[in-house]
Amino acid sequence: MIDLGGLPGSSLSEAEGINDAGQVVGFSVVDDVTYATEWSGGSVINLGGLPGSMDSGGSAINDAGRVVGVSDESVVPEPSTWAMMLPGFAGLGLAGYRRAKAGRATFARKVA
């Protein structure tokens, strides 16, 4: 087996696929985060993942150089998601408050 190395600071790297041009894809682990990696022409390339993903890995590469692999989603919402959710939660709270207040309302009766 040939040691291809990995991304700078990697503790583990593994090849998963190779094409006819000798380009190799797989993954490298740096600080407990897994990155999709390509080894091509003597260079080690971080392929990254989807925005917000924590882990990614390359599985195969075709002769045109297109890579297929996986990218896991992060479980932490983006700030823009929180910005949209907070007014929604506030609106639900207000609606619940108004409904509860209306249920306890008393009406005066006209006495003749």
N, C-alpha and C. Protein backbone atom coordinates (compact mmCIF):
# COMPACT_ATOMS: atom_id res chain seq x y z
N MET A 1 0.84 -1.17 0.00
CA MET A 1 0.00 0.00 0.00
C MET A 1 0.89 1.24 0.00
N ILE A 2 0.49 2.25 -0.74
CA ILE A 2 1.24 3.49 -0.85
C ILE A 2 0.61 4.54 0.07
N ASP A 3 1.43 5.19 0.88
CA ASP A 3 0.95 6.26 1.74
C ASP A 3 0.88 7.54 0.91
N LEU A 4 -0.34 8.03 0.69
CA LEU A 4 -0.54 9.24 -0.11
C LEU A 4 -0.41 10.50 0.72
N GLY A 5 -0.35 10.37 2.04
CA GLY A 5 -0.38 11.54 2.90
C GLY A 5 -1.80 12.03 3.02
N GLY A 6 -1.99 13.16 3.60
CA GLY A 6 -3.33 13.71 3.77
C GLY A 6 -3.25 15.22 3.82
N LEU A 7 -4.35 15.83 4.20
CA LEU A 7 -4.37 17.28 4.36
C LEU A 7 -3.43 17.66 5.50
N PRO A 8 -2.92 18.88 5.51
CA PRO A 8 -2.03 19.30 6.59
C PRO A 8 -2.70 19.11 7.96
N GLY A 9 -1.98 18.47 8.88
CA GLY A 9 -2.51 18.23 10.22
C GLY A 9 -3.40 17.02 10.35
N SER A 10 -3.52 16.23 9.28
CA SER A 10 -4.42 15.07 9.34
C SER A 10 -3.82 13.95 10.20
N SER A 11 -4.71 13.27 10.93
CA SER A 11 -4.30 12.14 11.75
C SER A 11 -4.58 10.83 11.03
N LEU A 12 -5.40 10.87 9.98
CA LEU A 12 -5.77 9.68 9.23
C LEU A 12 -6.22 10.11 7.85
N SER A 13 -5.87 9.34 6.85
CA SER A 13 -6.39 9.57 5.50
C SER A 13 -6.56 8.22 4.83
N GLU A 14 -7.54 8.16 3.92
CA GLU A 14 -7.81 6.89 3.24
C GLU A 14 -8.31 7.17 1.84
N ALA A 15 -7.80 6.39 0.88
CA ALA A 15 -8.24 6.48 -0.51
C ALA A 15 -9.46 5.59 -0.71
N GLU A 16 -10.42 6.08 -1.49
CA GLU A 16 -11.65 5.32 -1.74
C GLU A 16 -11.84 5.00 -3.22
N GLY A 17 -11.34 5.85 -4.11
CA GLY A 17 -11.55 5.63 -5.54
C GLY A 17 -10.44 6.23 -6.36
N ILE A 18 -10.25 5.69 -7.57
CA ILE A 18 -9.21 6.17 -8.49
C ILE A 18 -9.74 6.10 -9.92
N ASN A 19 -9.31 7.03 -10.77
CA ASN A 19 -9.70 6.98 -12.18
C ASN A 19 -8.49 6.62 -13.05
N ASP A 20 -8.70 6.53 -14.35
CA ASP A 20 -7.64 6.13 -15.28
C ASP A 20 -6.49 7.14 -15.35
N ALA A 21 -6.74 8.40 -14.98
CA ALA A 21 -5.71 9.43 -15.01
C ALA A 21 -4.85 9.41 -13.74
N GLY A 22 -5.21 8.55 -12.79
CA GLY A 22 -4.44 8.45 -11.55
C GLY A 22 -4.89 9.40 -10.46
N GLN A 23 -6.01 10.09 -10.67
CA GLN A 23 -6.56 10.95 -9.62
C GLN A 23 -7.24 10.05 -8.59
N VAL A 24 -7.00 10.33 -7.32
CA VAL A 24 -7.51 9.51 -6.23
C VAL A 24 -8.39 10.38 -5.33
N VAL A 25 -9.50 9.82 -4.85
CA VAL A 25 -10.35 10.53 -3.89
C VAL A 25 -10.56 9.67 -2.65
N GLY A 26 -10.86 10.34 -1.56
CA GLY A 26 -11.12 9.66 -0.30
C GLY A 26 -11.38 10.70 0.77
N PHE A 27 -10.74 10.52 1.94
CA PHE A 27 -10.96 11.47 3.02
C PHE A 27 -9.71 11.62 3.87
N SER A 28 -9.65 12.73 4.59
CA SER A 28 -8.61 13.01 5.58
C SER A 28 -9.31 13.50 6.84
N VAL A 29 -8.81 13.07 8.00
CA VAL A 29 -9.37 13.51 9.28
C VAL A 29 -8.41 14.50 9.91
N VAL A 30 -8.92 15.70 10.17
CA VAL A 30 -8.14 16.77 10.82
C VAL A 30 -8.95 17.26 12.01
N ASP A 31 -8.39 17.13 13.22
CA ASP A 31 -9.07 17.58 14.45
C ASP A 31 -10.48 16.99 14.56
N ASP A 32 -10.61 15.70 14.34
CA ASP A 32 -11.88 14.97 14.44
C ASP A 32 -12.94 15.39 13.43
N VAL A 33 -12.58 16.11 12.39
CA VAL A 33 -13.49 16.47 11.30
C VAL A 33 -12.98 15.78 10.05
N THR A 34 -13.88 15.14 9.31
CA THR A 34 -13.51 14.40 8.10
C THR A 34 -13.76 15.26 6.86
N TYR A 35 -12.75 15.39 6.02
CA TYR A 35 -12.82 16.21 4.81
C TYR A 35 -12.66 15.35 3.57
N ALA A 36 -13.53 15.57 2.56
CA ALA A 36 -13.34 14.92 1.26
C ALA A 36 -12.02 15.42 0.69
N THR A 37 -11.21 14.48 0.19
CA THR A 37 -9.86 14.82 -0.25
C THR A 37 -9.58 14.22 -1.62
N GLU A 38 -8.83 14.96 -2.44
CA GLU A 38 -8.38 14.46 -3.75
C GLU A 38 -6.87 14.55 -3.79
N TRP A 39 -6.27 13.49 -4.30
CA TRP A 39 -4.83 13.46 -4.55
C TRP A 39 -4.68 13.48 -6.06
N SER A 40 -4.04 14.53 -6.60
CA SER A 40 -3.95 14.69 -8.05
C SER A 40 -2.66 15.43 -8.40
N GLY A 41 -1.86 14.86 -9.26
CA GLY A 41 -0.64 15.51 -9.74
C GLY A 41 0.32 15.89 -8.62
N GLY A 42 0.40 15.10 -7.58
CA GLY A 42 1.29 15.38 -6.46
C GLY A 42 0.73 16.35 -5.43
N SER A 43 -0.48 16.83 -5.65
CA SER A 43 -1.11 17.76 -4.70
C SER A 43 -2.20 17.06 -3.90
N VAL A 44 -2.41 17.54 -2.68
CA VAL A 44 -3.50 17.07 -1.83
C VAL A 44 -4.51 18.21 -1.77
N ILE A 45 -5.75 17.94 -2.20
CA ILE A 45 -6.77 18.99 -2.34
C ILE A 45 -7.94 18.71 -1.40
N ASN A 46 -8.33 19.71 -0.62
CA ASN A 46 -9.51 19.62 0.23
C ASN A 46 -10.73 19.93 -0.64
N LEU A 47 -11.60 18.94 -0.86
CA LEU A 47 -12.79 19.13 -1.68
C LEU A 47 -13.93 19.76 -0.90
N GLY A 48 -13.82 19.77 0.43
CA GLY A 48 -14.87 20.38 1.24
C GLY A 48 -16.14 19.55 1.24
N GLY A 49 -17.25 20.20 1.52
CA GLY A 49 -18.55 19.54 1.58
C GLY A 49 -19.64 20.57 1.38
N LEU A 50 -20.87 20.20 1.69
CA LEU A 50 -21.98 21.13 1.60
C LEU A 50 -21.82 22.22 2.65
N PRO A 51 -22.38 23.42 2.41
CA PRO A 51 -22.28 24.48 3.41
C PRO A 51 -22.85 24.01 4.75
N GLY A 52 -22.11 24.21 5.80
CA GLY A 52 -22.56 23.81 7.12
C GLY A 52 -22.30 22.37 7.48
N SER A 53 -21.69 21.61 6.57
CA SER A 53 -21.46 20.20 6.86
C SER A 53 -20.28 20.03 7.80
N MET A 54 -20.33 19.00 8.61
CA MET A 54 -19.24 18.71 9.54
C MET A 54 -18.30 17.65 8.97
N ASP A 55 -18.81 16.70 8.22
CA ASP A 55 -18.00 15.62 7.69
C ASP A 55 -18.32 15.40 6.22
N SER A 56 -17.30 15.06 5.42
CA SER A 56 -17.51 14.74 4.02
C SER A 56 -16.44 13.76 3.59
N GLY A 57 -16.69 13.06 2.49
CA GLY A 57 -15.72 12.11 1.97
C GLY A 57 -15.99 11.79 0.52
N GLY A 58 -14.93 11.61 -0.25
CA GLY A 58 -15.07 11.22 -1.65
C GLY A 58 -15.11 9.71 -1.78
N SER A 59 -16.00 9.20 -2.63
CA SER A 59 -16.15 7.76 -2.80
C SER A 59 -15.61 7.26 -4.12
N ALA A 60 -15.79 8.05 -5.18
CA ALA A 60 -15.35 7.63 -6.52
C ALA A 60 -15.10 8.86 -7.37
N ILE A 61 -14.30 8.68 -8.42
CA ILE A 61 -14.01 9.77 -9.36
C ILE A 61 -14.00 9.18 -10.77
N ASN A 62 -14.69 9.85 -11.70
CA ASN A 62 -14.71 9.33 -13.07
C ASN A 62 -13.56 9.92 -13.88
N ASP A 63 -13.44 9.49 -15.14
CA ASP A 63 -12.31 9.94 -15.96
C ASP A 63 -12.39 11.41 -16.33
N ALA A 64 -13.57 12.03 -16.17
CA ALA A 64 -13.70 13.47 -16.41
C ALA A 64 -13.32 14.27 -15.16
N GLY A 65 -13.01 13.58 -14.05
CA GLY A 65 -12.61 14.25 -12.82
C GLY A 65 -13.75 14.63 -11.90
N ARG A 66 -14.95 14.11 -12.18
CA ARG A 66 -16.10 14.41 -11.32
C ARG A 66 -16.13 13.43 -10.16
N VAL A 67 -16.32 13.98 -8.97
CA VAL A 67 -16.26 13.19 -7.74
C VAL A 67 -17.66 12.99 -7.18
N VAL A 68 -17.91 11.80 -6.67
CA VAL A 68 -19.14 11.52 -5.95
C VAL A 68 -18.74 11.11 -4.54
N GLY A 69 -19.57 11.49 -3.57
CA GLY A 69 -19.24 11.17 -2.19
C GLY A 69 -20.38 11.53 -1.27
N VAL A 70 -20.06 11.77 -0.01
CA VAL A 70 -21.07 12.09 1.00
C VAL A 70 -20.68 13.37 1.72
N SER A 71 -21.69 14.04 2.27
CA SER A 71 -21.49 15.23 3.08
C SER A 71 -22.61 15.28 4.10
N ASP A 72 -22.25 15.23 5.39
CA ASP A 72 -23.24 15.24 6.45
C ASP A 72 -23.62 16.67 6.80
N GLU A 73 -24.91 16.85 7.12
CA GLU A 73 -25.39 18.15 7.54
C GLU A 73 -25.02 18.44 8.97
N SER A 74 -24.81 19.68 9.24
CA SER A 74 -24.58 20.11 10.61
C SER A 74 -25.92 20.15 11.34
N VAL A 75 -25.90 19.92 12.64
CA VAL A 75 -27.13 19.96 13.42
C VAL A 75 -27.38 21.34 14.02
N VAL A 76 -26.48 22.28 13.79
CA VAL A 76 -26.63 23.63 14.33
C VAL A 76 -27.22 24.52 13.24
N PRO A 77 -28.41 25.13 13.51
CA PRO A 77 -29.00 26.01 12.49
C PRO A 77 -28.12 27.22 12.21
N GLU A 78 -28.18 27.70 10.99
CA GLU A 78 -27.44 28.89 10.59
C GLU A 78 -28.08 30.12 11.23
N PRO A 79 -27.34 31.21 11.41
CA PRO A 79 -27.91 32.41 12.02
C PRO A 79 -29.16 32.92 11.29
N SER A 80 -29.17 32.82 9.97
CA SER A 80 -30.36 33.29 9.23
C SER A 80 -31.58 32.44 9.56
N THR A 81 -31.38 31.16 9.85
CA THR A 81 -32.51 30.30 10.23
C THR A 81 -33.07 30.75 11.57
N TRP A 82 -32.18 31.03 12.53
CA TRP A 82 -32.64 31.53 13.84
C TRP A 82 -33.37 32.86 13.66
N ALA A 83 -32.88 33.72 12.78
CA ALA A 83 -33.50 35.02 12.56
C ALA A 83 -34.94 34.87 12.05
N MET A 84 -35.22 33.81 11.31
CA MET A 84 -36.58 33.59 10.82
C MET A 84 -37.44 32.86 11.86
N MET A 85 -36.82 31.97 12.65
CA MET A 85 -37.59 31.18 13.62
C MET A 85 -38.02 31.99 14.83
N LEU A 86 -37.18 32.89 15.34
CA LEU A 86 -37.50 33.62 16.56
C LEU A 86 -38.78 34.45 16.46
N PRO A 87 -39.00 35.23 15.39
CA PRO A 87 -40.29 35.94 15.29
C PRO A 87 -41.48 34.98 15.21
N GLY A 88 -41.27 33.82 14.59
CA GLY A 88 -42.35 32.83 14.54
C GLY A 88 -42.71 32.30 15.91
N PHE A 89 -41.68 32.02 16.73
CA PHE A 89 -41.93 31.56 18.10
C PHE A 89 -42.62 32.65 18.91
N ALA A 90 -42.18 33.90 18.73
CA ALA A 90 -42.80 35.02 19.45
C ALA A 90 -44.26 35.16 19.06
N GLY A 91 -44.56 35.01 17.78
CA GLY A 91 -45.95 35.08 17.31
C GLY A 91 -46.80 33.97 17.89
N LEU A 92 -46.27 32.76 17.96
CA LEU A 92 -47.02 31.65 18.56
C LEU A 92 -47.27 31.91 20.05
N GLY A 93 -46.27 32.44 20.74
CA GLY A 93 -46.45 32.76 22.15
C GLY A 93 -47.52 33.82 22.36
N LEU A 94 -47.52 34.87 21.54
CA LEU A 94 -48.51 35.92 21.63
C LEU A 94 -49.91 35.37 21.34
N ALA A 95 -50.02 34.53 20.32
CA ALA A 95 -51.33 33.95 20.00
C ALA A 95 -51.83 33.08 21.16
N GLY A 96 -50.96 32.30 21.77
CA GLY A 96 -51.36 31.48 22.91
C GLY A 96 -51.77 32.32 24.10
N TYR A 97 -51.05 33.42 24.33
CA TYR A 97 -51.37 34.33 25.43
C TYR A 97 -52.75 34.96 25.22
N ARG A 98 -53.00 35.44 24.00
CA ARG A 98 -54.29 36.09 23.70
C ARG A 98 -55.44 35.10 23.80
N ARG A 99 -55.19 33.86 23.36
CA ARG A 99 -56.26 32.85 23.44
C ARG A 99 -56.57 32.52 24.90
N ALA A 100 -55.55 32.38 25.71
CA ALA A 100 -55.75 32.07 27.13
C ALA A 100 -56.45 33.23 27.83
N LYS A 101 -56.07 34.46 27.51
CA LYS A 101 -56.68 35.63 28.12
C LYS A 101 -58.16 35.73 27.74
N ALA A 102 -58.48 35.43 26.50
CA ALA A 102 -59.87 35.49 26.03
C ALA A 102 -60.72 34.42 26.71
N GLY A 103 -60.15 33.29 27.02
CA GLY A 103 -60.90 32.20 27.67
C GLY A 103 -61.25 32.52 29.10
N ARG A 104 -60.50 33.40 29.75
CA ARG A 104 -60.76 33.74 31.15
C ARG A 104 -61.54 35.05 31.29
N ALA A 105 -61.91 35.63 30.19
CA ALA A 105 -62.60 36.92 30.25
C ALA A 105 -64.00 36.75 30.83
N THR A 106 -64.44 37.71 31.62
CA THR A 106 -65.79 37.69 32.18
C THR A 106 -66.58 38.82 31.53
N PHE A 107 -67.85 38.57 31.37
CA PHE A 107 -68.71 39.56 30.74
C PHE A 107 -69.72 40.02 31.79
N ALA A 108 -69.92 41.31 31.82
CA ALA A 108 -70.91 41.87 32.76
C ALA A 108 -72.32 41.62 32.20
N ARG A 109 -73.20 41.24 33.10
CA ARG A 109 -74.61 41.07 32.67
C ARG A 109 -75.41 42.29 33.10
N LYS A 110 -76.33 42.63 32.24
CA LYS A 110 -77.19 43.77 32.54
C LYS A 110 -78.27 43.29 33.49
N VAL A 111 -78.38 43.95 34.61
CA VAL A 111 -79.39 43.58 35.58
C VAL A 111 -80.54 44.57 35.45
N ALA A 112 -81.76 44.04 35.39
CA ALA A 112 -82.91 44.91 35.20
C ALA A 112 -83.50 45.37 36.48
